[in-house]
PDB file of N, CA and C in Angstrom:
ATOM      1  N   UNK A   1     115.907 122.553 170.416  1.00  0.00           N
ATOM      2  CA  UNK A   1     116.743 121.986 171.707  1.00  0.00           C
ATOM      3  C   UNK A   1     117.466 120.960 171.650  1.00  0.00           C
ATOM      4  N   UNK A   2     116.941 120.133 169.883  1.00  0.00           N
ATOM      5  CA  UNK A   2     117.882 118.594 170.024  1.00  0.00           C
ATOM      6  C   UNK A   2     119.114 119.244 169.454  1.00  0.00           C
ATOM      7  N   UNK A   3     119.362 120.508 168.976  1.00  0.00           N
ATOM      8  CA  UNK A   3     120.570 120.698 168.032  1.00  0.00           C
ATOM      9  C   UNK A   3     121.313 121.570 169.207  1.00  0.00           C
ATOM     10  N   UNK A   4     121.432 121.459 170.402  1.00  0.00           N
ATOM     11  CA  UNK A   4     122.292 122.130 171.649  1.00  0.00           C
ATOM     12  C   UNK A   4     122.299 123.512 171.405  1.00  0.00           C
ATOM     13  N   UNK A   5     121.460 124.288 170.719  1.00  0.00           N
ATOM     14  CA  UNK A   5     121.508 125.540 170.753  1.00  0.00           C
ATOM     15  C   UNK A   5     121.708 126.150 172.145  1.00  0.00           C
ATOM     16  N   UNK A   6     120.543 126.116 172.860  1.00  0.00           N
ATOM     17  CA  UNK A   6     120.353 126.933 174.114  1.00  0.00           C
ATOM     18  C   UNK A   6     121.870 126.316 175.182  1.00  0.00           C
ATOM     19  N   UNK A   7     122.669 125.295 174.975  1.00  0.00           N
ATOM     20  CA  UNK A   7     123.918 125.194 175.471  1.00  0.00           C
ATOM     21  C   UNK A   7     124.945 126.005 174.805  1.00  0.00           C
ATOM     22  N   UNK A   8     124.731 126.384 174.027  1.00  0.00           N
ATOM     23  CA  UNK A   8     125.905 127.109 173.024  1.00  0.00           C
ATOM     24  C   UNK A   8     125.570 128.325 172.835  1.00  0.00           C
ATOM     25  N   UNK A   9     124.597 128.978 173.035  1.00  0.00           N
ATOM     26  CA  UNK A   9     123.831 130.326 172.218  1.00  0.00           C
ATOM     27  C   UNK A   9     124.591 131.317 173.717  1.00  0.00           C
ATOM     28  N   UNK A  10     124.276 132.640 172.866  1.00  0.00           N
ATOM     29  CA  UNK A  10     124.655 133.893 174.211  1.00  0.00           C
ATOM     30  C   UNK A  10     123.255 134.600 173.492  1.00  0.00           C
ATOM     31  N   UNK A  11     122.782 134.793 172.516  1.00  0.00           N
ATOM     32  CA  UNK A  11     121.347 135.331 171.999  1.00  0.00           C
ATOM     33  C   UNK A  11     120.600 134.670 171.271  1.00  0.00           C
ATOM     34  N   UNK A  12     119.505 134.907 171.159  1.00  0.00           N
ATOM     35  CA  UNK A  12     118.330 134.110 170.543  1.00  0.00           C
ATOM     36  C   UNK A  12     117.368 135.125 169.984  1.00  0.00           C
ATOM     37  N   UNK A  13     116.950 135.349 168.779  1.00  0.00           N
ATOM     38  CA  UNK A  13     115.963 136.411 168.127  1.00  0.00           C
ATOM     39  C   UNK A  13     114.593 135.762 168.502  1.00  0.00           C
ATOM     40  N   UNK A  14     114.171 136.856 168.939  1.00  0.00           N
ATOM     41  CA  UNK A  14     112.369 136.420 169.487  1.00  0.00           C
ATOM     42  C   UNK A  14     111.512 136.530 168.533  1.00  0.00           C
ATOM     43  N   UNK A  15     111.982 137.324 167.176  1.00  0.00           N
ATOM     44  CA  UNK A  15     111.096 137.519 166.166  1.00  0.00           C
ATOM     45  C   UNK A  15     111.340 137.293 164.787  1.00  0.00           C
ATOM     46  N   UNK A  16     112.747 136.446 164.363  1.00  0.00           N
ATOM     47  CA  UNK A  16     113.035 136.281 163.415  1.00  0.00           C
ATOM     48  C   UNK A  16     113.171 134.971 163.123  1.00  0.00           C
ATOM     49  N   UNK A  17     112.597 134.281 162.051  1.00  0.00           N
ATOM     50  CA  UNK A  17     113.039 132.327 161.763  1.00  0.00           C
ATOM     51  C   UNK A  17     113.862 132.223 160.604  1.00  0.00           C
ATOM     52  N   UNK A  18     114.880 131.790 160.940  1.00  0.00           N
ATOM     53  CA  UNK A  18     115.601 131.768 160.042  1.00  0.00           C
ATOM     54  C   UNK A  18     115.609 130.467 159.149  1.00  0.00           C
ATOM     55  N   UNK A  19     114.466 129.765 159.418  1.00  0.00           N
ATOM     56  CA  UNK A  19     114.013 128.920 158.747  1.00  0.00           C
ATOM     57  C   UNK A  19     113.603 127.600 159.522  1.00  0.00           C
ATOM     58  N   UNK A  20     113.665 126.424 159.164  1.00  0.00           N
ATOM     59  CA  UNK A  20     112.662 124.885 159.460  1.00  0.00           C
ATOM     60  C   UNK A  20     113.281 124.011 159.639  1.00  0.00           C
ATOM     61  N   UNK A  21     113.255 123.086 160.366  1.00  0.00           N
ATOM     62  CA  UNK A  21     113.215 121.840 160.100  1.00  0.00           C
ATOM     63  C   UNK A  21     112.245 120.884 159.453  1.00  0.00           C
ATOM     64  N   UNK A  22     112.828 120.546 158.365  1.00  0.00           N
ATOM     65  CA  UNK A  22     111.534 119.812 157.574  1.00  0.00           C
ATOM     66  C   UNK A  22     111.255 118.162 158.905  1.00  0.00           C
ATOM     67  N   UNK A  23     109.736 118.082 159.147  1.00  0.00           N
ATOM     68  CA  UNK A  23     109.444 117.130 159.577  1.00  0.00           C
ATOM     69  C   UNK A  23     108.228 116.384 158.576  1.00  0.00           C
ATOM     70  N   UNK A  24     108.900 115.532 157.825  1.00  0.00           N
ATOM     71  CA  UNK A  24     108.277 115.262 157.213  1.00  0.00           C
ATOM     72  C   UNK A  24     107.423 113.526 157.293  1.00  0.00           C
ATOM     73  N   UNK A  25     105.935 113.426 156.720  1.00  0.00           N
ATOM     74  CA  UNK A  25     105.565 112.173 157.251  1.00  0.00           C
ATOM     75  C   UNK A  25     105.755 111.684 155.612  1.00  0.00           C
ATOM     76  N   UNK A  26     106.637 110.477 155.643  1.00  0.00           N
ATOM     77  CA  UNK A  26     106.913 109.508 154.473  1.00  0.00           C
ATOM     78  C   UNK A  26     105.737 108.560 154.418  1.00  0.00           C
ATOM     79  N   UNK A  27     105.194 107.836 153.391  1.00  0.00           N
ATOM     80  CA  UNK A  27     104.368 106.983 152.939  1.00  0.00           C
ATOM     81  C   UNK A  27     104.871 106.358 151.655  1.00  0.00           C
ATOM     82  N   UNK A  28     104.931 104.976 152.024  1.00  0.00           N
ATOM     83  CA  UNK A  28     105.218 104.012 150.682  1.00  0.00           C
ATOM     84  C   UNK A  28     103.852 103.784 150.017  1.00  0.00           C
ATOM     85  N   UNK A  29     103.854 104.596 148.752  1.00  0.00           N
ATOM     86  CA  UNK A  29     102.455 104.639 148.471  1.00  0.00           C
ATOM     87  C   UNK A  29     102.144 103.317 147.875  1.00  0.00           C
ATOM     88  N   UNK A  30     102.964 102.322 147.050  1.00  0.00           N
ATOM     89  CA  UNK A  30     102.671 101.092 147.007  1.00  0.00           C
ATOM     90  C   UNK A  30     102.234 100.120 148.039  1.00  0.00           C
ATOM     91  N   UNK A  31     102.764 100.485 149.238  1.00  0.00           N
ATOM     92  CA  UNK A  31     102.288  99.944 150.510  1.00  0.00           C
ATOM     93  C   UNK A  31     100.844 100.454 150.581  1.00  0.00           C
ATOM     94  N   UNK A  32     100.869 101.803 150.960  1.00  0.00           N
ATOM     95  CA  UNK A  32      99.250 102.370 151.279  1.00  0.00           C
ATOM     96  C   UNK A  32      98.643 101.486 150.266  1.00  0.00           C
ATOM     97  N   UNK A  33      98.630 101.558 148.996  1.00  0.00           N
ATOM     98  CA  UNK A  33      97.534 101.068 147.790  1.00  0.00           C
ATOM     99  C   UNK A  33      97.438  99.382 148.021  1.00  0.00           C
ATOM    100  N   UNK A  34      98.227  98.632 148.604  1.00  0.00           N
ATOM    101  CA  UNK A  34      98.082  97.359 149.292  1.00  0.00           C
ATOM    102  C   UNK A  34      97.585  97.115 150.514  1.00  0.00           C
ATOM    103  N   UNK A  35      97.047  98.368 151.245  1.00  0.00           N
ATOM    104  CA  UNK A  35      96.446  98.125 152.601  1.00  0.00           C
ATOM    105  C   UNK A  35      94.895  97.476 152.175  1.00  0.00           C
ATOM    106  N   UNK A  36      94.224  96.881 152.851  1.00  0.00           N
ATOM    107  CA  UNK A  36      92.744  96.750 152.659  1.00  0.00           C
ATOM    108  C   UNK A  36      92.005  98.087 152.978  1.00  0.00           C
ATOM    109  N   UNK A  37      91.108  98.110 152.362  1.00  0.00           N
ATOM    110  CA  UNK A  37      90.397  99.559 152.881  1.00  0.00           C
ATOM    111  C   UNK A  37      90.295  99.874 153.991  1.00  0.00           C
ATOM    112  N   UNK A  38      89.847  99.207 154.757  1.00  0.00           N
ATOM    113  CA  UNK A  38      89.464  99.932 156.167  1.00  0.00           C
ATOM    114  C   UNK A  38      90.812 100.002 157.064  1.00  0.00           C
ATOM    115  N   UNK A  39      91.710  99.538 156.292  1.00  0.00           N
ATOM    116  CA  UNK A  39      92.866  99.689 157.266  1.00  0.00           C
ATOM    117  C   UNK A  39      93.868 100.970 156.768  1.00  0.00           C
ATOM    118  N   UNK A  40      93.394 101.157 155.363  1.00  0.00           N
ATOM    119  CA  UNK A  40      93.725 102.446 154.968  1.00  0.00           C
ATOM    120  C   UNK A  40      93.218 103.748 155.406  1.00  0.00           C
ATOM    121  N   UNK A  41      91.759 103.430 155.190  1.00  0.00           N
ATOM    122  CA  UNK A  41      90.780 104.406 155.842  1.00  0.00           C
ATOM    123  C   UNK A  41      91.410 104.816 156.965  1.00  0.00           C
ATOM    124  N   UNK A  42      91.232 103.660 157.823  1.00  0.00           N
ATOM    125  CA  UNK A  42      91.934 104.139 159.464  1.00  0.00           C
ATOM    126  C   UNK A  42      93.289 105.243 159.326  1.00  0.00           C
ATOM    127  N   UNK A  43      94.200 104.753 158.771  1.00  0.00           N
ATOM    128  CA  UNK A  43      95.325 105.676 158.789  1.00  0.00           C
ATOM    129  C   UNK A  43      95.143 106.712 158.200  1.00  0.00           C
ATOM    130  N   UNK A  44      94.516 106.771 156.920  1.00  0.00           N
ATOM    131  CA  UNK A  44      93.962 108.146 156.522  1.00  0.00           C
ATOM    132  C   UNK A  44      93.457 109.096 157.551  1.00  0.00           C
ATOM    133  N   UNK A  45      92.258 108.224 158.017  1.00  0.00           N
ATOM    134  CA  UNK A  45      91.408 109.080 159.055  1.00  0.00           C
ATOM    135  C   UNK A  45      91.957 109.841 159.944  1.00  0.00           C
ATOM    136  N   UNK A  46      93.297 109.140 160.435  1.00  0.00           N
ATOM    137  CA  UNK A  46      94.192 109.540 161.615  1.00  0.00           C
ATOM    138  C   UNK A  46      94.868 110.735 161.378  1.00  0.00           C
ATOM    139  N   UNK A  47      95.306 111.213 160.396  1.00  0.00           N
ATOM    140  CA  UNK A  47      95.690 112.152 159.889  1.00  0.00           C
ATOM    141  C   UNK A  47      95.894 113.273 160.526  1.00  0.00           C
ATOM    142  N   UNK A  48      94.665 113.927 160.491  1.00  0.00           N
ATOM    143  CA  UNK A  48      94.418 115.250 160.955  1.00  0.00           C
ATOM    144  C   UNK A  48      94.419 114.996 162.541  1.00  0.00           C
ATOM    145  N   UNK A  49      93.984 113.927 163.245  1.00  0.00           N
ATOM    146  CA  UNK A  49      94.024 114.155 164.552  1.00  0.00           C
ATOM    147  C   UNK A  49      95.312 113.628 164.853  1.00  0.00           C
ATOM    148  N   UNK A  50      96.446 113.142 164.125  1.00  0.00           N
ATOM    149  CA  UNK A  50      97.821 113.000 164.515  1.00  0.00           C
ATOM    150  C   UNK A  50      98.500 114.491 164.478  1.00  0.00           C
ATOM    151  N   UNK A  51      98.317 115.069 163.425  1.00  0.00           N
ATOM    152  CA  UNK A  51      98.886 116.206 163.104  1.00  0.00           C
ATOM    153  C   UNK A  51      98.450 117.440 164.142  1.00  0.00           C
ATOM    154  N   UNK A  52      96.895 117.274 164.925  1.00  0.00           N
ATOM    155  CA  UNK A  52      96.412 118.134 165.813  1.00  0.00           C
ATOM    156  C   UNK A  52      97.214 118.059 167.020  1.00  0.00           C
ATOM    157  N   UNK A  53      97.567 116.883 167.537  1.00  0.00           N
ATOM    158  CA  UNK A  53      98.627 116.139 168.663  1.00  0.00           C
ATOM    159  C   UNK A  53      99.628 116.978 168.327  1.00  0.00           C
ATOM    160  N   UNK A  54     100.585 116.345 167.193  1.00  0.00           N
ATOM    161  CA  UNK A  54     101.766 117.133 167.357  1.00  0.00           C
ATOM    162  C   UNK A  54     102.038 118.427 167.718  1.00  0.00           C
ATOM    163  N   UNK A  55     100.999 119.274 166.906  1.00  0.00           N
ATOM    164  CA  UNK A  55     101.251 120.756 166.947  1.00  0.00           C
ATOM    165  C   UNK A  55     100.969 121.214 168.405  1.00  0.00           C
ATOM    166  N   UNK A  56     100.057 120.556 168.669  1.00  0.00           N
ATOM    167  CA  UNK A  56      99.432 120.727 170.657  1.00  0.00           C
ATOM    168  C   UNK A  56     100.533 120.469 171.105  1.00  0.00           C
ATOM    169  N   UNK A  57     101.449 119.428 170.601  1.00  0.00           N
ATOM    170  CA  UNK A  57     102.598 119.200 171.732  1.00  0.00           C
ATOM    171  C   UNK A  57     103.697 120.107 171.724  1.00  0.00           C
ATOM    172  N   UNK A  58     103.960 120.268 169.990  1.00  0.00           N
ATOM    173  CA  UNK A  58     105.033 121.405 169.962  1.00  0.00           C
ATOM    174  C   UNK A  58     104.696 122.491 170.733  1.00  0.00           C
ATOM    175  N   UNK A  59     103.604 123.219 170.516  1.00  0.00           N
ATOM    176  CA  UNK A  59     103.434 124.188 171.302  1.00  0.00           C
ATOM    177  C   UNK A  59     103.313 124.035 172.960  1.00  0.00           C
ATOM    178  N   UNK A  60     102.532 123.306 173.317  1.00  0.00           N
ATOM    179  CA  UNK A  60     102.236 123.137 174.902  1.00  0.00           C
ATOM    180  C   UNK A  60     103.392 122.473 175.391  1.00  0.00           C
ATOM    181  N   UNK A  61     104.466 122.111 174.780  1.00  0.00           N
ATOM    182  CA  UNK A  61     105.791 121.313 175.644  1.00  0.00           C
ATOM    183  C   UNK A  61     107.077 121.847 175.074  1.00  0.00           C
ATOM    184  N   UNK A  62     107.254 122.024 173.802  1.00  0.00           N
ATOM    185  CA  UNK A  62     108.477 122.165 173.753  1.00  0.00           C
ATOM    186  C   UNK A  62     108.505 123.572 173.680  1.00  0.00           C
ATOM    187  N   UNK A  63     107.866 124.459 172.693  1.00  0.00           N
ATOM    188  CA  UNK A  63     107.507 125.798 172.735  1.00  0.00           C
ATOM    189  C   UNK A  63     107.472 126.669 174.232  1.00  0.00           C
ATOM    190  N   UNK A  64     106.731 125.572 175.089  1.00  0.00           N
ATOM    191  CA  UNK A  64     106.411 126.481 176.390  1.00  0.00           C
ATOM    192  C   UNK A  64     107.697 126.149 176.951  1.00  0.00           C
ATOM    193  N   UNK A  65     108.723 125.540 177.114  1.00  0.00           N
ATOM    194  CA  UNK A  65     109.779 125.230 177.411  1.00  0.00           C
ATOM    195  C   UNK A  65     110.935 126.170 177.277  1.00  0.00           C
ATOM    196  N   UNK A  66     110.970 126.380 175.998  1.00  0.00           N
ATOM    197  CA  UNK A  66     111.766 126.945 175.045  1.00  0.00           C
ATOM    198  C   UNK A  66     112.255 128.402 175.927  1.00  0.00           C
ATOM    199  N   UNK A  67     111.235 129.587 176.072  1.00  0.00           N
ATOM    200  CA  UNK A  67     111.484 130.786 176.887  1.00  0.00           C
ATOM    201  C   UNK A  67     112.253 130.666 178.303  1.00  0.00           C
ATOM    202  N   UNK A  68     111.711 129.588 178.889  1.00  0.00           N
ATOM    203  CA  UNK A  68     112.047 129.343 180.296  1.00  0.00           C
ATOM    204  C   UNK A  68     113.400 128.937 180.221  1.00  0.00           C
ATOM    205  N   UNK A  69     113.988 127.940 179.294  1.00  0.00           N
ATOM    206  CA  UNK A  69     115.027 127.039 179.301  1.00  0.00           C
ATOM    207  C   UNK A  69     115.890 128.589 178.851  1.00  0.00           C
ATOM    208  N   UNK A  70     115.779 129.677 177.812  1.00  0.00           N
ATOM    209  CA  UNK A  70     116.621 130.723 177.351  1.00  0.00           C
ATOM    210  C   UNK A  70     117.067 131.115 178.912  1.00  0.00           C
ATOM    211  N   UNK A  71     115.708 132.082 179.544  1.00  0.00           N
ATOM    212  CA  UNK A  71     115.979 132.341 180.547  1.00  0.00           C
ATOM    213  C   UNK A  71     116.887 131.862 181.823  1.00  0.00           C
ATOM    214  N   UNK A  72     116.753 130.420 181.894  1.00  0.00           N
ATOM    215  CA  UNK A  72     117.957 129.929 183.001  1.00  0.00           C
ATOM    216  C   UNK A  72     119.109 130.466 182.442  1.00  0.00           C
ATOM    217  N   UNK A  73     119.266 130.231 181.424  1.00  0.00           N
ATOM    218  CA  UNK A  73     120.806 130.351 180.956  1.00  0.00           C
ATOM    219  C   UNK A  73     121.315 131.551 180.800  1.00  0.00           C
ATOM    220  N   UNK A  74     120.277 132.764 181.255  1.00  0.00           N
ATOM    221  CA  UNK A  74     120.946 133.695 180.807  1.00  0.00           C
ATOM    222  C   UNK A  74     120.962 134.437 179.415  1.00  0.00           C
ATOM    223  N   UNK A  75     120.380 133.550 178.379  1.00  0.00           N
ATOM    224  CA  UNK A  75     120.473 133.883 176.925  1.00  0.00           C
ATOM    225  C   UNK A  75     119.632 135.211 176.725  1.00  0.00           C
ATOM    226  N   UNK A  76     120.426 136.261 175.646  1.00  0.00           N
ATOM    227  CA  UNK A  76     119.775 137.556 175.686  1.00  0.00           C
ATOM    228  C   UNK A  76     118.818 137.423 174.640  1.00  0.00           C
ATOM    229  N   UNK A  77     117.586 138.045 174.751  1.00  0.00           N
ATOM    230  CA  UNK A  77     116.418 137.765 173.406  1.00  0.00           C
ATOM    231  C   UNK A  77     116.425 139.209 172.888  1.00  0.00           C
ATOM    232  N   UNK A  78     116.988 139.045 171.269  1.00  0.00           N
ATOM    233  CA  UNK A  78     116.651 140.303 170.871  1.00  0.00           C
ATOM    234  C   UNK A  78     115.590 140.388 169.956  1.00  0.00           C
ATOM    235  N   UNK A  79     115.457 141.313 169.763  1.00  0.00           N
ATOM    236  CA  UNK A  79     113.822 142.017 168.841  1.00  0.00           C
ATOM    237  C   UNK A  79     114.147 142.700 167.699  1.00  0.00           C
ATOM    238  N   UNK A  80     113.853 142.269 166.541  1.00  0.00           N
ATOM    239  CA  UNK A  80     113.934 143.658 165.526  1.00  0.00           C
ATOM    240  C   UNK A  80     112.563 144.196 165.274  1.00  0.00           C
ATOM    241  N   UNK A  81     113.073 145.531 164.751  1.00  0.00           N
ATOM    242  CA  UNK A  81     111.678 146.393 164.360  1.00  0.00           C
ATOM    243  C   UNK A  81     111.580 145.875 163.221  1.00  0.00           C
ATOM    244  N   UNK A  82     110.051 146.258 162.709  1.00  0.00           N
ATOM    245  CA  UNK A  82     109.337 145.979 161.485  1.00  0.00           C
ATOM    246  C   UNK A  82     110.186 146.070 160.310  1.00  0.00           C
ATOM    247  N   UNK A  83     110.517 147.525 160.656  1.00  0.00           N
ATOM    248  CA  UNK A  83     111.520 148.192 159.444  1.00  0.00           C
ATOM    249  C   UNK A  83     112.803 147.073 159.369  1.00  0.00           C
ATOM    250  N   UNK A  84     113.336 146.434 160.306  1.00  0.00           N
ATOM    251  CA  UNK A  84     114.546 145.537 160.199  1.00  0.00           C
ATOM    252  C   UNK A  84     114.403 144.365 159.456  1.00  0.00           C
ATOM    253  N   UNK A  85     113.105 143.732 159.731  1.00  0.00           N
ATOM    254  CA  UNK A  85     112.695 142.603 159.359  1.00  0.00           C
ATOM    255  C   UNK A  85     112.459 143.046 157.976  1.00  0.00           C
ATOM    256  N   UNK A  86     111.469 143.744 157.305  1.00  0.00           N
ATOM    257  CA  UNK A  86     111.738 144.091 156.287  1.00  0.00           C
ATOM    258  C   UNK A  86     112.645 144.590 155.494  1.00  0.00           C
ATOM    259  N   UNK A  87     113.957 144.733 155.922  1.00  0.00           N
ATOM    260  CA  UNK A  87     114.970 144.916 155.421  1.00  0.00           C
ATOM    261  C   UNK A  87     115.904 143.560 155.004  1.00  0.00           C
ATOM    262  N   UNK A  88     115.820 142.940 156.158  1.00  0.00           N
ATOM    263  CA  UNK A  88     116.178 141.567 156.025  1.00  0.00           C
ATOM    264  C   UNK A  88     115.375 140.206 154.913  1.00  0.00           C
ATOM    265  N   UNK A  89     114.181 140.763 154.454  1.00  0.00           N
ATOM    266  CA  UNK A  89     113.359 139.925 153.895  1.00  0.00           C
ATOM    267  C   UNK A  89     113.793 140.530 152.201  1.00  0.00           C
ATOM    268  N   UNK A  90     113.891 141.490 152.164  1.00  0.00           N
ATOM    269  CA  UNK A  90     114.543 142.172 150.901  1.00  0.00           C
ATOM    270  C   UNK A  90     115.956 142.072 150.695  1.00  0.00           C
ATOM    271  N   UNK A  91     116.950 141.666 151.607  1.00  0.00           N
ATOM    272  CA  UNK A  91     118.304 141.465 150.881  1.00  0.00           C
ATOM    273  C   UNK A  91     118.380 140.210 150.742  1.00  0.00           C
ATOM    274  N   UNK A  92     117.669 139.456 151.969  1.00  0.00           N
ATOM    275  CA  UNK A  92     117.778 137.777 151.536  1.00  0.00           C
ATOM    276  C   UNK A  92     116.850 136.908 151.281  1.00  0.00           C
ATOM    277  N   UNK A  93     115.582 136.998 151.639  1.00  0.00           N
ATOM    278  CA  UNK A  93     114.110 136.295 151.660  1.00  0.00           C
ATOM    279  C   UNK A  93     114.183 136.368 150.137  1.00  0.00           C
ATOM    280  N   UNK A  94     113.784 137.314 149.827  1.00  0.00           N
ATOM    281  CA  UNK A  94     113.493 137.676 148.619  1.00  0.00           C
ATOM    282  C   UNK A  94     114.137 137.360 147.341  1.00  0.00           C
ATOM    283  N   UNK A  95     115.358 137.636 147.112  1.00  0.00           N
ATOM    284  CA  UNK A  95     116.313 136.953 145.692  1.00  0.00           C
ATOM    285  C   UNK A  95     116.259 135.450 145.888  1.00  0.00           C
ATOM    286  N   UNK A  96     116.383 134.632 147.402  1.00  0.00           N
ATOM    287  CA  UNK A  96     116.232 133.595 147.207  1.00  0.00           C
ATOM    288  C   UNK A  96     114.689 132.834 146.990  1.00  0.00           C
ATOM    289  N   UNK A  97     114.027 133.546 147.318  1.00  0.00           N
ATOM    290  CA  UNK A  97     112.506 133.300 146.940  1.00  0.00           C
ATOM    291  C   UNK A  97     112.260 133.058 145.338  1.00  0.00           C
ATOM    292  N   UNK A  98     112.948 134.110 144.723  1.00  0.00           N
ATOM    293  CA  UNK A  98     112.876 134.391 143.421  1.00  0.00           C
ATOM    294  C   UNK A  98     113.668 133.500 142.769  1.00  0.00           C
ATOM    295  N   UNK A  99     114.684 133.242 143.195  1.00  0.00           N
ATOM    296  CA  UNK A  99     115.654 132.129 142.566  1.00  0.00           C
ATOM    297  C   UNK A  99     115.232 131.097 142.543  1.00  0.00           C
ATOM    298  N   UNK A 100     114.457 130.361 143.795  1.00  0.00           N
ATOM    299  CA  UNK A 100     113.661 129.032 143.736  1.00  0.00           C
ATOM    300  C   UNK A 100     112.561 129.278 143.048  1.00  0.00           C
ATOM    301  N   UNK A 101     111.573 130.498 142.868  1.00  0.00           N
ATOM    302  CA  UNK A 101     110.506 130.557 142.071  1.00  0.00           C
ATOM    303  C   UNK A 101     110.773 129.807 140.542  1.00  0.00           C
ATOM    304  N   UNK A 102     112.187 130.731 139.913  1.00  0.00           N
ATOM    305  CA  UNK A 102     112.328 130.679 138.825  1.00  0.00           C
ATOM    306  C   UNK A 102     112.922 129.489 138.442  1.00  0.00           C
ATOM    307  N   UNK A 103     113.788 129.097 139.146  1.00  0.00           N
ATOM    308  CA  UNK A 103     114.169 127.237 139.293  1.00  0.00           C
ATOM    309  C   UNK A 103     113.103 126.179 139.321  1.00  0.00           C
ATOM    310  N   UNK A 104     112.465 126.441 139.741  1.00  0.00           N
ATOM    311  CA  UNK A 104     111.314 125.483 139.741  1.00  0.00           C
ATOM    312  C   UNK A 104     110.305 125.393 138.987  1.00  0.00           C
ATOM    313  N   UNK A 105     110.231 126.606 138.330  1.00  0.00           N
ATOM    314  CA  UNK A 105     108.953 127.135 137.541  1.00  0.00           C
ATOM    315  C   UNK A 105     109.467 126.307 136.079  1.00  0.00           C
ATOM    316  N   UNK A 106     111.065 126.625 135.845  1.00  0.00           N
ATOM    317  CA  UNK A 106     111.870 125.953 134.722  1.00  0.00           C
ATOM    318  C   UNK A 106     111.411 124.392 134.700  1.00  0.00           C
ATOM    319  N   UNK A 107     111.394 123.994 136.005  1.00  0.00           N
ATOM    320  CA  UNK A 107     111.372 122.773 136.052  1.00  0.00           C
ATOM    321  C   UNK A 107     110.405 121.840 135.676  1.00  0.00           C
ATOM    322  N   UNK A 108     108.730 123.057 135.145  1.00  0.00           N
ATOM    323  CA  UNK A 108     107.627 122.505 135.196  1.00  0.00           C
ATOM    324  C   UNK A 108     106.977 122.498 136.745  1.00  0.00           C
ATOM    325  N   UNK A 109     107.081 122.798 137.366  1.00  0.00           N
ATOM    326  CA  UNK A 109     106.503 122.585 138.865  1.00  0.00           C
ATOM    327  C   UNK A 109     105.560 124.091 139.257  1.00  0.00           C
ATOM    328  N   UNK A 110     104.398 124.213 139.529  1.00  0.00           N
ATOM    329  CA  UNK A 110     103.757 125.509 139.751  1.00  0.00           C
ATOM    330  C   UNK A 110     104.676 126.364 140.918  1.00  0.00           C
ATOM    331  N   UNK A 111     105.618 126.001 140.796  1.00  0.00           N
ATOM    332  CA  UNK A 111     106.619 127.191 142.104  1.00  0.00           C
ATOM    333  C   UNK A 111     105.961 128.448 142.660  1.00  0.00           C
ATOM    334  N   UNK A 112     105.548 129.326 141.611  1.00  0.00           N
ATOM    335  CA  UNK A 112     104.796 130.526 142.229  1.00  0.00           C
ATOM    336  C   UNK A 112     103.750 130.311 143.218  1.00  0.00           C
ATOM    337  N   UNK A 113     102.378 129.189 142.597  1.00  0.00           N
ATOM    338  CA  UNK A 113     101.600 128.918 143.380  1.00  0.00           C
ATOM    339  C   UNK A 113     102.107 128.069 144.620  1.00  0.00           C
ATOM    340  N   UNK A 114     102.704 126.824 144.786  1.00  0.00           N
ATOM    341  CA  UNK A 114     103.380 126.791 145.967  1.00  0.00           C
ATOM    342  C   UNK A 114     103.749 127.522 147.037  1.00  0.00           C
ATOM    343  N   UNK A 115     104.471 128.842 146.106  1.00  0.00           N
ATOM    344  CA  UNK A 115     105.382 129.391 146.849  1.00  0.00           C
ATOM    345  C   UNK A 115     104.120 130.363 147.892  1.00  0.00           C
ATOM    346  N   UNK A 116     103.568 130.888 147.120  1.00  0.00           N
ATOM    347  CA  UNK A 116     102.253 131.949 147.595  1.00  0.00           C
ATOM    348  C   UNK A 116     101.460 130.877 148.810  1.00  0.00           C
ATOM    349  N   UNK A 117     101.013 130.029 148.490  1.00  0.00           N
ATOM    350  CA  UNK A 117     100.310 129.187 149.234  1.00  0.00           C
ATOM    351  C   UNK A 117     100.834 128.971 150.383  1.00  0.00           C
ATOM    352  N   UNK A 118     102.216 128.923 150.281  1.00  0.00           N
ATOM    353  CA  UNK A 118     102.996 128.526 151.764  1.00  0.00           C
ATOM    354  C   UNK A 118     103.215 129.777 152.694  1.00  0.00           C
ATOM    355  N   UNK A 119     103.383 130.652 151.877  1.00  0.00           N
ATOM    356  CA  UNK A 119     103.545 132.160 152.715  1.00  0.00           C
ATOM    357  C   UNK A 119     102.519 132.393 152.974  1.00  0.00           C
ATOM    358  N   UNK A 120     101.163 131.837 152.435  1.00  0.00           N
ATOM    359  CA  UNK A 120      99.867 132.645 153.067  1.00  0.00           C
ATOM    360  C   UNK A 120      99.529 131.953 154.047  1.00  0.00           C
ATOM    361  N   UNK A 121      99.670 130.808 153.977  1.00  0.00           N
ATOM    362  CA  UNK A 121      99.829 130.041 155.508  1.00  0.00           C
ATOM    363  C   UNK A 121     100.034 130.577 156.216  1.00  0.00           C
ATOM    364  N   UNK A 122     101.420 130.623 156.224  1.00  0.00           N
ATOM    365  CA  UNK A 122     102.260 131.232 157.262  1.00  0.00           C
ATOM    366  C   UNK A 122     101.529 132.325 157.626  1.00  0.00           C
ATOM    367  N   UNK A 123     101.108 133.474 157.051  1.00  0.00           N
ATOM    368  CA  UNK A 123     101.040 134.851 157.258  1.00  0.00           C
ATOM    369  C   UNK A 123      99.546 134.550 158.227  1.00  0.00           C
ATOM    370  N   UNK A 124      98.604 133.537 157.704  1.00  0.00           N
ATOM    371  CA  UNK A 124      97.449 133.368 158.689  1.00  0.00           C
ATOM    372  C   UNK A 124      98.111 132.639 159.917  1.00  0.00           C
ATOM    373  N   UNK A 125      99.043 132.003 159.726  1.00  0.00           N
ATOM    374  CA  UNK A 125      99.682 131.436 161.277  1.00  0.00           C
ATOM    375  C   UNK A 125      98.758 130.019 161.264  1.00  0.00           C
ATOM    376  N   UNK A 126      99.001 129.387 160.074  1.00  0.00           N
ATOM    377  CA  UNK A 126      98.057 128.437 159.835  1.00  0.00           C
ATOM    378  C   UNK A 126      96.846 127.754 160.960  1.00  0.00           C
TER     379      UNK A 126
END
C-alpha cells in the first residue's frame, strides 16, 4: 500500500508473491554490548513480543485492508494454477536461487543451508 500499487494497478495476483520488502531490525553491536545487563536483557527479552505484535498487526490490519481496498477500486484479482506456479519457479526462481547459492557459497557463506532454512520456513508458513 505504501508504494501506491493500488492507486495504479488494474490487476493483482492472489497467489504469486514476486518478492518481499526487507524490514530489518538493525542494532549497533557495540552500543548493545555497552548497555547495562538489565537494559540489554530487557531489550533482548522484548524481541519475541515485538515480532508477535508486528506480525499480528500486519495480518489483522494491513492485510485485512488489502482485499477490500482492491475490491473498492475494481482491481482484477488473478490466480495461477499450481502448474503455472511451478513453471514460473522453474523458469525464474530456480535459476536465480541456484546463481545466488553458487555465488555466496564461493564467498564462504553457508548459502545452501540458508536457502533451505528460509524456504523451509516459508513452506511451513512460519
